[in-house]
Each structure stands twice: as structure tokens, then as C-alpha cells.
All heavy atoms as atom14 arrays in JSON, in Angstrom:
{
  "sequence": "DRMPYLPLTLSLDGQSLSTEGLLDTGASVNVLPYELGTQLGLIWENE",
  "atom14_mask": [
    [1, 1, 1, 1, 1, 1, 1, 1, 0, 0, 0, 0, 0, 0],
    [1, 1, 1, 1, 1, 1, 1, 1, 1, 1, 1, 0, 0, 0],
    [1, 1, 1, 1, 1, 1, 1, 1, 0, 0, 0, 0, 0, 0],
    [1, 1, 1, 1, 1, 1, 1, 0, 0, 0, 0, 0, 0, 0],
    [1, 1, 1, 1, 1, 1, 1, 1, 1, 1, 1, 1, 0, 0],
    [1, 1, 1, 1, 1, 1, 1, 1, 0, 0, 0, 0, 0, 0],
    [1, 1, 1, 1, 1, 1, 1, 0, 0, 0, 0, 0, 0, 0],
    [1, 1, 1, 1, 1, 1, 1, 1, 0, 0, 0, 0, 0, 0],
    [1, 1, 1, 1, 1, 1, 1, 0, 0, 0, 0, 0, 0, 0],
    [1, 1, 1, 1, 1, 1, 1, 1, 0, 0, 0, 0, 0, 0],
    [1, 1, 1, 1, 1, 1, 0, 0, 0, 0, 0, 0, 0, 0],
    [1, 1, 1, 1, 1, 1, 1, 1, 0, 0, 0, 0, 0, 0],
    [1, 1, 1, 1, 1, 1, 1, 1, 0, 0, 0, 0, 0, 0],
    [1, 1, 1, 1, 0, 0, 0, 0, 0, 0, 0, 0, 0, 0],
    [1, 1, 1, 1, 1, 1, 1, 1, 1, 0, 0, 0, 0, 0],
    [1, 1, 1, 1, 1, 1, 0, 0, 0, 0, 0, 0, 0, 0],
    [1, 1, 1, 1, 1, 1, 1, 1, 0, 0, 0, 0, 0, 0],
    [1, 1, 1, 1, 1, 1, 0, 0, 0, 0, 0, 0, 0, 0],
    [1, 1, 1, 1, 1, 1, 1, 0, 0, 0, 0, 0, 0, 0],
    [1, 1, 1, 1, 1, 1, 1, 1, 1, 0, 0, 0, 0, 0],
    [1, 1, 1, 1, 0, 0, 0, 0, 0, 0, 0, 0, 0, 0],
    [1, 1, 1, 1, 1, 1, 1, 1, 0, 0, 0, 0, 0, 0],
    [1, 1, 1, 1, 1, 1, 1, 1, 0, 0, 0, 0, 0, 0],
    [1, 1, 1, 1, 1, 1, 1, 1, 0, 0, 0, 0, 0, 0],
    [1, 1, 1, 1, 1, 1, 1, 0, 0, 0, 0, 0, 0, 0],
    [1, 1, 1, 1, 0, 0, 0, 0, 0, 0, 0, 0, 0, 0],
    [1, 1, 1, 1, 1, 0, 0, 0, 0, 0, 0, 0, 0, 0],
    [1, 1, 1, 1, 1, 1, 0, 0, 0, 0, 0, 0, 0, 0],
    [1, 1, 1, 1, 1, 1, 1, 0, 0, 0, 0, 0, 0, 0],
    [1, 1, 1, 1, 1, 1, 1, 1, 0, 0, 0, 0, 0, 0],
    [1, 1, 1, 1, 1, 1, 1, 0, 0, 0, 0, 0, 0, 0],
    [1, 1, 1, 1, 1, 1, 1, 1, 0, 0, 0, 0, 0, 0],
    [1, 1, 1, 1, 1, 1, 1, 0, 0, 0, 0, 0, 0, 0],
    [1, 1, 1, 1, 1, 1, 1, 1, 1, 1, 1, 1, 0, 0],
    [1, 1, 1, 1, 1, 1, 1, 1, 1, 0, 0, 0, 0, 0],
    [1, 1, 1, 1, 1, 1, 1, 1, 0, 0, 0, 0, 0, 0],
    [1, 1, 1, 1, 0, 0, 0, 0, 0, 0, 0, 0, 0, 0],
    [1, 1, 1, 1, 1, 1, 1, 0, 0, 0, 0, 0, 0, 0],
    [1, 1, 1, 1, 1, 1, 1, 1, 1, 0, 0, 0, 0, 0],
    [1, 1, 1, 1, 1, 1, 1, 1, 0, 0, 0, 0, 0, 0],
    [1, 1, 1, 1, 0, 0, 0, 0, 0, 0, 0, 0, 0, 0],
    [1, 1, 1, 1, 1, 1, 1, 1, 0, 0, 0, 0, 0, 0],
    [1, 1, 1, 1, 1, 1, 1, 1, 0, 0, 0, 0, 0, 0],
    [1, 1, 1, 1, 1, 1, 1, 1, 1, 1, 1, 1, 1, 1],
    [1, 1, 1, 1, 1, 1, 1, 1, 1, 0, 0, 0, 0, 0],
    [1, 1, 1, 1, 1, 1, 1, 1, 0, 0, 0, 0, 0, 0],
    [1, 1, 1, 1, 1, 1, 1, 1, 1, 0, 0, 0, 0, 0]
  ],
  "atom14_positions": [
    [[68.39, 69.89, 79.91], [69.28, 68.79, 79.72], [70.63, 69.01, 80.31], [71.57, 68.14, 80.43], [69.41, 68.39, 78.25], [69.97, 69.51, 77.42], [69.93, 70.68, 77.82], [70.47, 69.18, 76.37], [0.0, 0.0, 0.0], [0.0, 0.0, 0.0], [0.0, 0.0, 0.0], [0.0, 0.0, 0.0], [0.0, 0.0, 0.0], [0.0, 0.0, 0.0]],
    [[70.91, 70.23, 80.8], [72.23, 70.59, 81.37], [72.14, 70.66, 82.9], [73.03, 71.02, 83.53], [72.68, 71.95, 80.84], [72.92, 71.87, 79.31], [73.32, 73.23, 78.79], [74.68, 73.53, 79.39], [75.28, 74.74, 79.19], [74.66, 75.67, 78.61], [76.44, 74.93, 79.74], [0.0, 0.0, 0.0], [0.0, 0.0, 0.0], [0.0, 0.0, 0.0]],
    [[70.99, 70.21, 83.42], [70.85, 70.18, 84.89], [71.71, 69.06, 85.44], [71.98, 68.08, 84.85], [69.35, 69.91, 85.23], [68.39, 71.02, 84.74], [68.9, 72.65, 85.25], [68.27, 72.53, 86.98], [0.0, 0.0, 0.0], [0.0, 0.0, 0.0], [0.0, 0.0, 0.0], [0.0, 0.0, 0.0], [0.0, 0.0, 0.0], [0.0, 0.0, 0.0]],
    [[72.22, 69.34, 86.67], [73.13, 68.3, 87.28], [72.35, 67.08, 87.88], [71.95, 67.0, 89.05], [73.78, 69.1, 88.41], [72.74, 70.14, 88.81], [72.03, 70.44, 87.52], [0.0, 0.0, 0.0], [0.0, 0.0, 0.0], [0.0, 0.0, 0.0], [0.0, 0.0, 0.0], [0.0, 0.0, 0.0], [0.0, 0.0, 0.0], [0.0, 0.0, 0.0]],
    [[72.28, 66.04, 87.06], [71.73, 64.78, 87.51], [72.79, 63.77, 87.9], [73.78, 63.66, 87.12], [70.76, 64.16, 86.41], [69.43, 64.83, 86.34], [69.16, 65.91, 85.58], [68.44, 64.34, 87.18], [67.94, 66.49, 85.53], [67.17, 64.93, 87.19], [66.95, 65.98, 86.33], [65.69, 66.57, 86.36], [0.0, 0.0, 0.0], [0.0, 0.0, 0.0]],
    [[72.67, 63.14, 88.97], [73.64, 62.17, 89.47], [73.02, 60.71, 89.45], [72.04, 60.49, 90.07], [73.97, 62.49, 90.9], [74.96, 61.59, 91.63], [76.34, 61.73, 91.03], [74.99, 61.88, 93.13], [0.0, 0.0, 0.0], [0.0, 0.0, 0.0], [0.0, 0.0, 0.0], [0.0, 0.0, 0.0], [0.0, 0.0, 0.0], [0.0, 0.0, 0.0]],
    [[73.68, 59.77, 88.74], [73.26, 58.39, 88.78], [73.54, 57.83, 90.17], [74.56, 58.05, 90.78], [74.02, 57.69, 87.73], [75.05, 58.62, 87.27], [74.83, 59.97, 87.89], [0.0, 0.0, 0.0], [0.0, 0.0, 0.0], [0.0, 0.0, 0.0], [0.0, 0.0, 0.0], [0.0, 0.0, 0.0], [0.0, 0.0, 0.0], [0.0, 0.0, 0.0]],
    [[72.59, 57.08, 90.76], [72.76, 56.44, 92.04], [71.79, 55.17, 92.13], [70.9, 55.04, 91.33], [72.5, 57.33, 93.19], [71.07, 57.85, 93.45], [71.0, 58.34, 94.89], [70.68, 58.95, 92.55], [0.0, 0.0, 0.0], [0.0, 0.0, 0.0], [0.0, 0.0, 0.0], [0.0, 0.0, 0.0], [0.0, 0.0, 0.0], [0.0, 0.0, 0.0]],
    [[72.07, 54.38, 93.08], [71.27, 53.18, 93.21], [70.7, 53.3, 94.68], [71.4, 53.51, 95.62], [72.12, 51.85, 93.13], [72.63, 51.78, 91.85], [71.23, 50.65, 93.42], [0.0, 0.0, 0.0], [0.0, 0.0, 0.0], [0.0, 0.0, 0.0], [0.0, 0.0, 0.0], [0.0, 0.0, 0.0], [0.0, 0.0, 0.0], [0.0, 0.0, 0.0]],
    [[69.36, 53.16, 94.76], [68.64, 53.14, 96.02], [68.29, 51.74, 96.4], [67.91, 50.97, 95.49], [67.44, 54.03, 95.91], [67.55, 55.44, 95.52], [66.22, 56.19, 95.38], [68.41, 56.2, 96.49], [0.0, 0.0, 0.0], [0.0, 0.0, 0.0], [0.0, 0.0, 0.0], [0.0, 0.0, 0.0], [0.0, 0.0, 0.0], [0.0, 0.0, 0.0]],
    [[68.38, 51.4, 97.65], [68.05, 50.03, 98.18], [67.23, 50.1, 99.43], [67.47, 51.02, 100.24], [69.32, 49.24, 98.35], [70.11, 49.18, 97.26], [0.0, 0.0, 0.0], [0.0, 0.0, 0.0], [0.0, 0.0, 0.0], [0.0, 0.0, 0.0], [0.0, 0.0, 0.0], [0.0, 0.0, 0.0], [0.0, 0.0, 0.0], [0.0, 0.0, 0.0]],
    [[66.27, 49.16, 99.53], [65.47, 49.1, 100.76], [64.95, 47.64, 100.89], [64.28, 47.2, 99.95], [64.36, 50.07, 100.67], [63.41, 50.12, 101.95], [64.2, 50.76, 103.1], [62.18, 51.01, 101.63], [0.0, 0.0, 0.0], [0.0, 0.0, 0.0], [0.0, 0.0, 0.0], [0.0, 0.0, 0.0], [0.0, 0.0, 0.0], [0.0, 0.0, 0.0]],
    [[65.25, 46.99, 101.92], [64.75, 45.68, 102.21], [64.88, 44.71, 101.09], [63.92, 44.03, 100.67], [63.26, 45.77, 102.64], [63.07, 46.56, 103.91], [64.04, 46.54, 104.82], [61.99, 47.13, 104.07], [0.0, 0.0, 0.0], [0.0, 0.0, 0.0], [0.0, 0.0, 0.0], [0.0, 0.0, 0.0], [0.0, 0.0, 0.0], [0.0, 0.0, 0.0]],
    [[66.04, 44.7, 100.43], [66.36, 43.71, 99.36], [65.95, 44.24, 97.98], [66.29, 43.58, 96.99], [0.0, 0.0, 0.0], [0.0, 0.0, 0.0], [0.0, 0.0, 0.0], [0.0, 0.0, 0.0], [0.0, 0.0, 0.0], [0.0, 0.0, 0.0], [0.0, 0.0, 0.0], [0.0, 0.0, 0.0], [0.0, 0.0, 0.0], [0.0, 0.0, 0.0]],
    [[65.25, 45.29, 97.88], [64.83, 45.85, 96.6], [65.88, 46.9, 96.25], [66.29, 47.77, 97.03], [63.46, 46.58, 96.66], [62.33, 45.69, 96.97], [61.89, 44.87, 95.8], [62.3, 45.13, 94.63], [61.07, 43.9, 96.0], [0.0, 0.0, 0.0], [0.0, 0.0, 0.0], [0.0, 0.0, 0.0], [0.0, 0.0, 0.0], [0.0, 0.0, 0.0]],
    [[66.33, 46.94, 94.98], [67.26, 47.91, 94.48], [66.73, 48.59, 93.21], [66.02, 47.98, 92.48], [68.65, 47.29, 94.16], [69.35, 47.07, 95.26], [0.0, 0.0, 0.0], [0.0, 0.0, 0.0], [0.0, 0.0, 0.0], [0.0, 0.0, 0.0], [0.0, 0.0, 0.0], [0.0, 0.0, 0.0], [0.0, 0.0, 0.0], [0.0, 0.0, 0.0]],
    [[67.03, 49.92, 93.08], [66.64, 50.62, 91.93], [67.67, 51.6, 91.47], [68.2, 52.41, 92.24], [65.36, 51.43, 92.35], [64.7, 52.41, 91.4], [64.12, 51.7, 90.22], [63.68, 53.24, 92.2], [0.0, 0.0, 0.0], [0.0, 0.0, 0.0], [0.0, 0.0, 0.0], [0.0, 0.0, 0.0], [0.0, 0.0, 0.0], [0.0, 0.0, 0.0]],
    [[68.11, 51.48, 90.18], [69.01, 52.43, 89.63], [68.21, 53.6, 89.08], [67.27, 53.44, 88.36], [69.87, 51.76, 88.52], [70.63, 50.77, 89.07], [0.0, 0.0, 0.0], [0.0, 0.0, 0.0], [0.0, 0.0, 0.0], [0.0, 0.0, 0.0], [0.0, 0.0, 0.0], [0.0, 0.0, 0.0], [0.0, 0.0, 0.0], [0.0, 0.0, 0.0]],
    [[68.66, 54.83, 89.5], [67.98, 56.01, 89.03], [68.92, 57.2, 88.92], [70.1, 57.04, 89.0], [66.77, 56.31, 90.09], [65.99, 57.33, 89.59], [67.33, 56.59, 91.45], [0.0, 0.0, 0.0], [0.0, 0.0, 0.0], [0.0, 0.0, 0.0], [0.0, 0.0, 0.0], [0.0, 0.0, 0.0], [0.0, 0.0, 0.0], [0.0, 0.0, 0.0]],
    [[68.36, 58.37, 88.82], [69.13, 59.62, 88.77], [68.48, 60.6, 89.73], [67.23, 60.66, 89.89], [69.09, 60.27, 87.42], [69.91, 59.54, 86.33], [69.87, 60.29, 85.02], [68.82, 60.94, 84.7], [70.87, 60.14, 84.3], [0.0, 0.0, 0.0], [0.0, 0.0, 0.0], [0.0, 0.0, 0.0], [0.0, 0.0, 0.0], [0.0, 0.0, 0.0]],
    [[69.31, 61.43, 90.4], [68.77, 62.43, 91.26], [69.29, 63.81, 90.8], [70.44, 63.97, 90.43], [0.0, 0.0, 0.0], [0.0, 0.0, 0.0], [0.0, 0.0, 0.0], [0.0, 0.0, 0.0], [0.0, 0.0, 0.0], [0.0, 0.0, 0.0], [0.0, 0.0, 0.0], [0.0, 0.0, 0.0], [0.0, 0.0, 0.0], [0.0, 0.0, 0.0]],
    [[68.38, 64.74, 90.93], [68.8, 66.17, 90.59], [69.51, 66.78, 91.81], [68.94, 66.79, 92.93], [67.53, 66.93, 90.32], [67.73, 68.49, 90.06], [68.59, 68.74, 88.85], [66.38, 69.16, 89.94], [0.0, 0.0, 0.0], [0.0, 0.0, 0.0], [0.0, 0.0, 0.0], [0.0, 0.0, 0.0], [0.0, 0.0, 0.0], [0.0, 0.0, 0.0]],
    [[70.73, 67.17, 91.62], [71.49, 67.85, 92.69], [70.94, 69.25, 92.85], [71.07, 70.11, 91.9], [73.0, 67.89, 92.38], [73.65, 66.54, 92.27], [75.06, 66.76, 91.68], [73.71, 65.99, 93.64], [0.0, 0.0, 0.0], [0.0, 0.0, 0.0], [0.0, 0.0, 0.0], [0.0, 0.0, 0.0], [0.0, 0.0, 0.0], [0.0, 0.0, 0.0]],
    [[70.26, 69.56, 93.94], [69.59, 70.79, 94.11], [70.01, 71.46, 95.47], [69.49, 71.13, 96.48], [68.05, 70.55, 94.07], [67.27, 71.92, 94.13], [67.85, 72.97, 94.33], [66.06, 71.87, 93.86], [0.0, 0.0, 0.0], [0.0, 0.0, 0.0], [0.0, 0.0, 0.0], [0.0, 0.0, 0.0], [0.0, 0.0, 0.0], [0.0, 0.0, 0.0]],
    [[70.93, 72.42, 95.34], [71.48, 73.05, 96.55], [70.43, 73.98, 97.2], [70.54, 74.36, 98.34], [72.73, 73.88, 96.24], [72.5, 74.94, 95.31], [73.84, 72.98, 95.77], [0.0, 0.0, 0.0], [0.0, 0.0, 0.0], [0.0, 0.0, 0.0], [0.0, 0.0, 0.0], [0.0, 0.0, 0.0], [0.0, 0.0, 0.0], [0.0, 0.0, 0.0]],
    [[69.36, 74.34, 96.46], [68.32, 75.14, 97.03], [67.21, 74.36, 97.73], [66.37, 75.0, 98.32], [0.0, 0.0, 0.0], [0.0, 0.0, 0.0], [0.0, 0.0, 0.0], [0.0, 0.0, 0.0], [0.0, 0.0, 0.0], [0.0, 0.0, 0.0], [0.0, 0.0, 0.0], [0.0, 0.0, 0.0], [0.0, 0.0, 0.0], [0.0, 0.0, 0.0]],
    [[67.24, 73.04, 97.59], [66.25, 72.16, 98.22], [66.66, 71.88, 99.69], [67.79, 71.53, 99.94], [66.06, 70.89, 97.49], [0.0, 0.0, 0.0], [0.0, 0.0, 0.0], [0.0, 0.0, 0.0], [0.0, 0.0, 0.0], [0.0, 0.0, 0.0], [0.0, 0.0, 0.0], [0.0, 0.0, 0.0], [0.0, 0.0, 0.0], [0.0, 0.0, 0.0]],
    [[65.73, 72.07, 100.63], [66.06, 71.84, 102.02], [66.22, 70.34, 102.29], [67.02, 69.96, 103.13], [64.96, 72.46, 102.91], [64.86, 73.79, 102.74], [0.0, 0.0, 0.0], [0.0, 0.0, 0.0], [0.0, 0.0, 0.0], [0.0, 0.0, 0.0], [0.0, 0.0, 0.0], [0.0, 0.0, 0.0], [0.0, 0.0, 0.0], [0.0, 0.0, 0.0]],
    [[65.44, 69.53, 101.62], [65.43, 68.13, 101.94], [65.5, 67.29, 100.62], [65.26, 67.83, 99.54], [64.15, 67.66, 102.7], [64.11, 68.42, 104.03], [62.87, 67.98, 101.86], [0.0, 0.0, 0.0], [0.0, 0.0, 0.0], [0.0, 0.0, 0.0], [0.0, 0.0, 0.0], [0.0, 0.0, 0.0], [0.0, 0.0, 0.0], [0.0, 0.0, 0.0]],
    [[65.87, 66.06, 100.74], [65.79, 65.14, 99.64], [64.31, 64.81, 99.38], [63.53, 64.7, 100.38], [66.48, 63.82, 99.95], [67.95, 63.99, 100.27], [68.62, 64.85, 99.7], [68.47, 63.2, 101.2], [0.0, 0.0, 0.0], [0.0, 0.0, 0.0], [0.0, 0.0, 0.0], [0.0, 0.0, 0.0], [0.0, 0.0, 0.0], [0.0, 0.0, 0.0]],
    [[63.96, 64.59, 98.14], [62.55, 64.28, 97.76], [62.49, 63.04, 96.93], [63.2, 62.98, 95.9], [61.88, 65.47, 97.05], [60.46, 65.11, 96.59], [61.87, 66.76, 97.91], [0.0, 0.0, 0.0], [0.0, 0.0, 0.0], [0.0, 0.0, 0.0], [0.0, 0.0, 0.0], [0.0, 0.0, 0.0], [0.0, 0.0, 0.0], [0.0, 0.0, 0.0]],
    [[61.71, 62.09, 97.37], [61.51, 60.82, 96.64], [60.16, 60.85, 96.0], [59.11, 60.93, 96.72], [61.66, 59.65, 97.64], [61.59, 58.24, 97.04], [62.77, 57.95, 96.15], [61.41, 57.23, 98.14], [0.0, 0.0, 0.0], [0.0, 0.0, 0.0], [0.0, 0.0, 0.0], [0.0, 0.0, 0.0], [0.0, 0.0, 0.0], [0.0, 0.0, 0.0]],
    [[60.11, 60.74, 94.66], [58.78, 60.69, 94.0], [57.99, 59.4, 94.41], [58.55, 58.39, 94.69], [59.13, 60.62, 92.51], [60.54, 61.12, 92.36], [61.15, 60.73, 93.66], [0.0, 0.0, 0.0], [0.0, 0.0, 0.0], [0.0, 0.0, 0.0], [0.0, 0.0, 0.0], [0.0, 0.0, 0.0], [0.0, 0.0, 0.0], [0.0, 0.0, 0.0]],
    [[56.68, 59.54, 94.38], [55.83, 58.46, 94.79], [56.11, 57.15, 94.13], [56.26, 56.04, 94.8], [54.34, 58.92, 94.57], [53.41, 57.82, 95.18], [53.16, 57.78, 96.51], [52.73, 56.92, 94.35], [52.32, 56.84, 97.06], [51.86, 55.94, 94.9], [51.68, 55.95, 96.26], [50.86, 55.03, 96.81], [0.0, 0.0, 0.0], [0.0, 0.0, 0.0]],
    [[56.25, 57.13, 92.76], [56.46, 55.86, 92.01], [57.78, 55.2, 92.43], [57.85, 53.97, 92.56], [56.53, 56.16, 90.52], [55.3, 56.69, 89.92], [55.19, 58.19, 90.07], [56.23, 58.8, 90.36], [54.12, 58.76, 89.88], [0.0, 0.0, 0.0], [0.0, 0.0, 0.0], [0.0, 0.0, 0.0], [0.0, 0.0, 0.0], [0.0, 0.0, 0.0]],
    [[58.82, 55.98, 92.69], [60.11, 55.31, 93.05], [59.98, 54.69, 94.47], [60.55, 53.61, 94.71], [61.23, 56.38, 93.09], [61.63, 56.89, 91.69], [62.8, 57.86, 91.81], [61.98, 55.81, 90.74], [0.0, 0.0, 0.0], [0.0, 0.0, 0.0], [0.0, 0.0, 0.0], [0.0, 0.0, 0.0], [0.0, 0.0, 0.0], [0.0, 0.0, 0.0]],
    [[59.25, 55.35, 95.38], [59.02, 54.73, 96.67], [58.26, 53.43, 96.58], [58.64, 52.44, 97.19], [0.0, 0.0, 0.0], [0.0, 0.0, 0.0], [0.0, 0.0, 0.0], [0.0, 0.0, 0.0], [0.0, 0.0, 0.0], [0.0, 0.0, 0.0], [0.0, 0.0, 0.0], [0.0, 0.0, 0.0], [0.0, 0.0, 0.0], [0.0, 0.0, 0.0]],
    [[57.23, 53.37, 95.72], [56.49, 52.1, 95.63], [57.35, 51.05, 94.96], [57.24, 49.89, 95.31], [55.18, 52.34, 94.84], [55.48, 52.85, 93.55], [54.22, 53.22, 95.61], [0.0, 0.0, 0.0], [0.0, 0.0, 0.0], [0.0, 0.0, 0.0], [0.0, 0.0, 0.0], [0.0, 0.0, 0.0], [0.0, 0.0, 0.0], [0.0, 0.0, 0.0]],
    [[58.21, 51.43, 93.97], [59.08, 50.48, 93.35], [60.1, 49.85, 94.35], [60.55, 48.73, 94.22], [59.85, 51.06, 92.18], [59.0, 51.39, 91.02], [59.74, 52.1, 89.95], [60.94, 51.94, 89.72], [59.06, 52.95, 89.13], [0.0, 0.0, 0.0], [0.0, 0.0, 0.0], [0.0, 0.0, 0.0], [0.0, 0.0, 0.0], [0.0, 0.0, 0.0]],
    [[60.45, 50.63, 95.41], [61.3, 50.12, 96.47], [60.56, 49.28, 97.52], [61.18, 48.79, 98.41], [62.02, 51.32, 97.16], [63.13, 51.97, 96.32], [63.55, 53.27, 96.95], [64.31, 50.97, 96.18], [0.0, 0.0, 0.0], [0.0, 0.0, 0.0], [0.0, 0.0, 0.0], [0.0, 0.0, 0.0], [0.0, 0.0, 0.0], [0.0, 0.0, 0.0]],
    [[59.2, 49.23, 97.35], [58.43, 48.47, 98.29], [57.8, 49.2, 99.4], [57.25, 48.58, 100.35], [0.0, 0.0, 0.0], [0.0, 0.0, 0.0], [0.0, 0.0, 0.0], [0.0, 0.0, 0.0], [0.0, 0.0, 0.0], [0.0, 0.0, 0.0], [0.0, 0.0, 0.0], [0.0, 0.0, 0.0], [0.0, 0.0, 0.0], [0.0, 0.0, 0.0]],
    [[57.95, 50.54, 99.42], [57.34, 51.37, 100.42], [55.81, 51.29, 100.31], [55.29, 51.26, 99.14], [57.79, 52.77, 100.39], [59.27, 53.0, 100.78], [59.7, 54.45, 100.38], [59.43, 52.81, 102.3], [0.0, 0.0, 0.0], [0.0, 0.0, 0.0], [0.0, 0.0, 0.0], [0.0, 0.0, 0.0], [0.0, 0.0, 0.0], [0.0, 0.0, 0.0]],
    [[55.15, 51.33, 101.39], [53.65, 51.33, 101.47], [53.27, 52.61, 102.19], [53.61, 52.79, 103.36], [53.1, 50.08, 102.19], [53.57, 48.8, 101.39], [51.61, 50.17, 102.28], [53.31, 47.55, 102.14], [0.0, 0.0, 0.0], [0.0, 0.0, 0.0], [0.0, 0.0, 0.0], [0.0, 0.0, 0.0], [0.0, 0.0, 0.0], [0.0, 0.0, 0.0]],
    [[52.53, 53.41, 101.49], [52.16, 54.83, 102.0], [51.6, 54.72, 103.36], [51.94, 55.45, 104.29], [51.24, 55.46, 100.99], [50.94, 56.88, 101.33], [49.86, 57.37, 102.02], [51.81, 58.01, 101.13], [49.99, 58.73, 102.26], [51.11, 59.2, 101.7], [53.06, 58.2, 100.5], [51.67, 60.4, 101.66], [53.59, 59.47, 100.46], [52.91, 60.54, 101.04]],
    [[50.61, 53.84, 103.57], [49.89, 53.72, 104.86], [50.79, 53.3, 105.96], [50.48, 53.59, 107.16], [48.75, 52.82, 104.66], [47.61, 53.25, 103.73], [48.02, 53.11, 102.27], [48.94, 52.38, 101.94], [47.37, 53.81, 101.45], [0.0, 0.0, 0.0], [0.0, 0.0, 0.0], [0.0, 0.0, 0.0], [0.0, 0.0, 0.0], [0.0, 0.0, 0.0]],
    [[51.95, 52.65, 105.7], [52.78, 52.23, 106.79], [53.74, 53.27, 107.24], [54.4, 53.15, 108.32], [53.63, 50.98, 106.29], [52.8, 49.76, 106.09], [51.62, 49.76, 106.44], [53.33, 48.72, 105.56], [0.0, 0.0, 0.0], [0.0, 0.0, 0.0], [0.0, 0.0, 0.0], [0.0, 0.0, 0.0], [0.0, 0.0, 0.0], [0.0, 0.0, 0.0]],
    [[53.93, 54.34, 106.47], [54.86, 55.41, 106.79], [54.01, 56.59, 107.4], [53.23, 57.23, 106.78], [55.56, 55.91, 105.55], [56.35, 54.88, 104.77], [57.32, 54.08, 105.58], [57.96, 54.71, 106.56], [57.53, 52.91, 105.32], [0.0, 0.0, 0.0], [0.0, 0.0, 0.0], [0.0, 0.0, 0.0], [0.0, 0.0, 0.0], [0.0, 0.0, 0.0]]
  ]
}
């Protein structure tokens, strides 16, 4: 519960989603969980 989570809003093609992201200086890249991507309207087969 003491981990550094940052509130932010993600948007894509008119869809918006309020969420939190874990600030991870050890992570090489940003990672988007599958469910959040689908909520933003992403389609796995199109990417």
C-alpha cells in the first residue's frame, strides 16, 4: 500500500479511462494490462 501509484487518465479514439499507474524506475517500458487496453477500445488482432 506504500508503493508509488500515480492517478492518470488514458485516452484513445474518444474513449477515456481514469486509472492508476505504478511508478517503476526499474521497468524498461510502460506496461498496459490487457483489460485496460480493451476498455480503451484496443483490439488485440489489430495491433
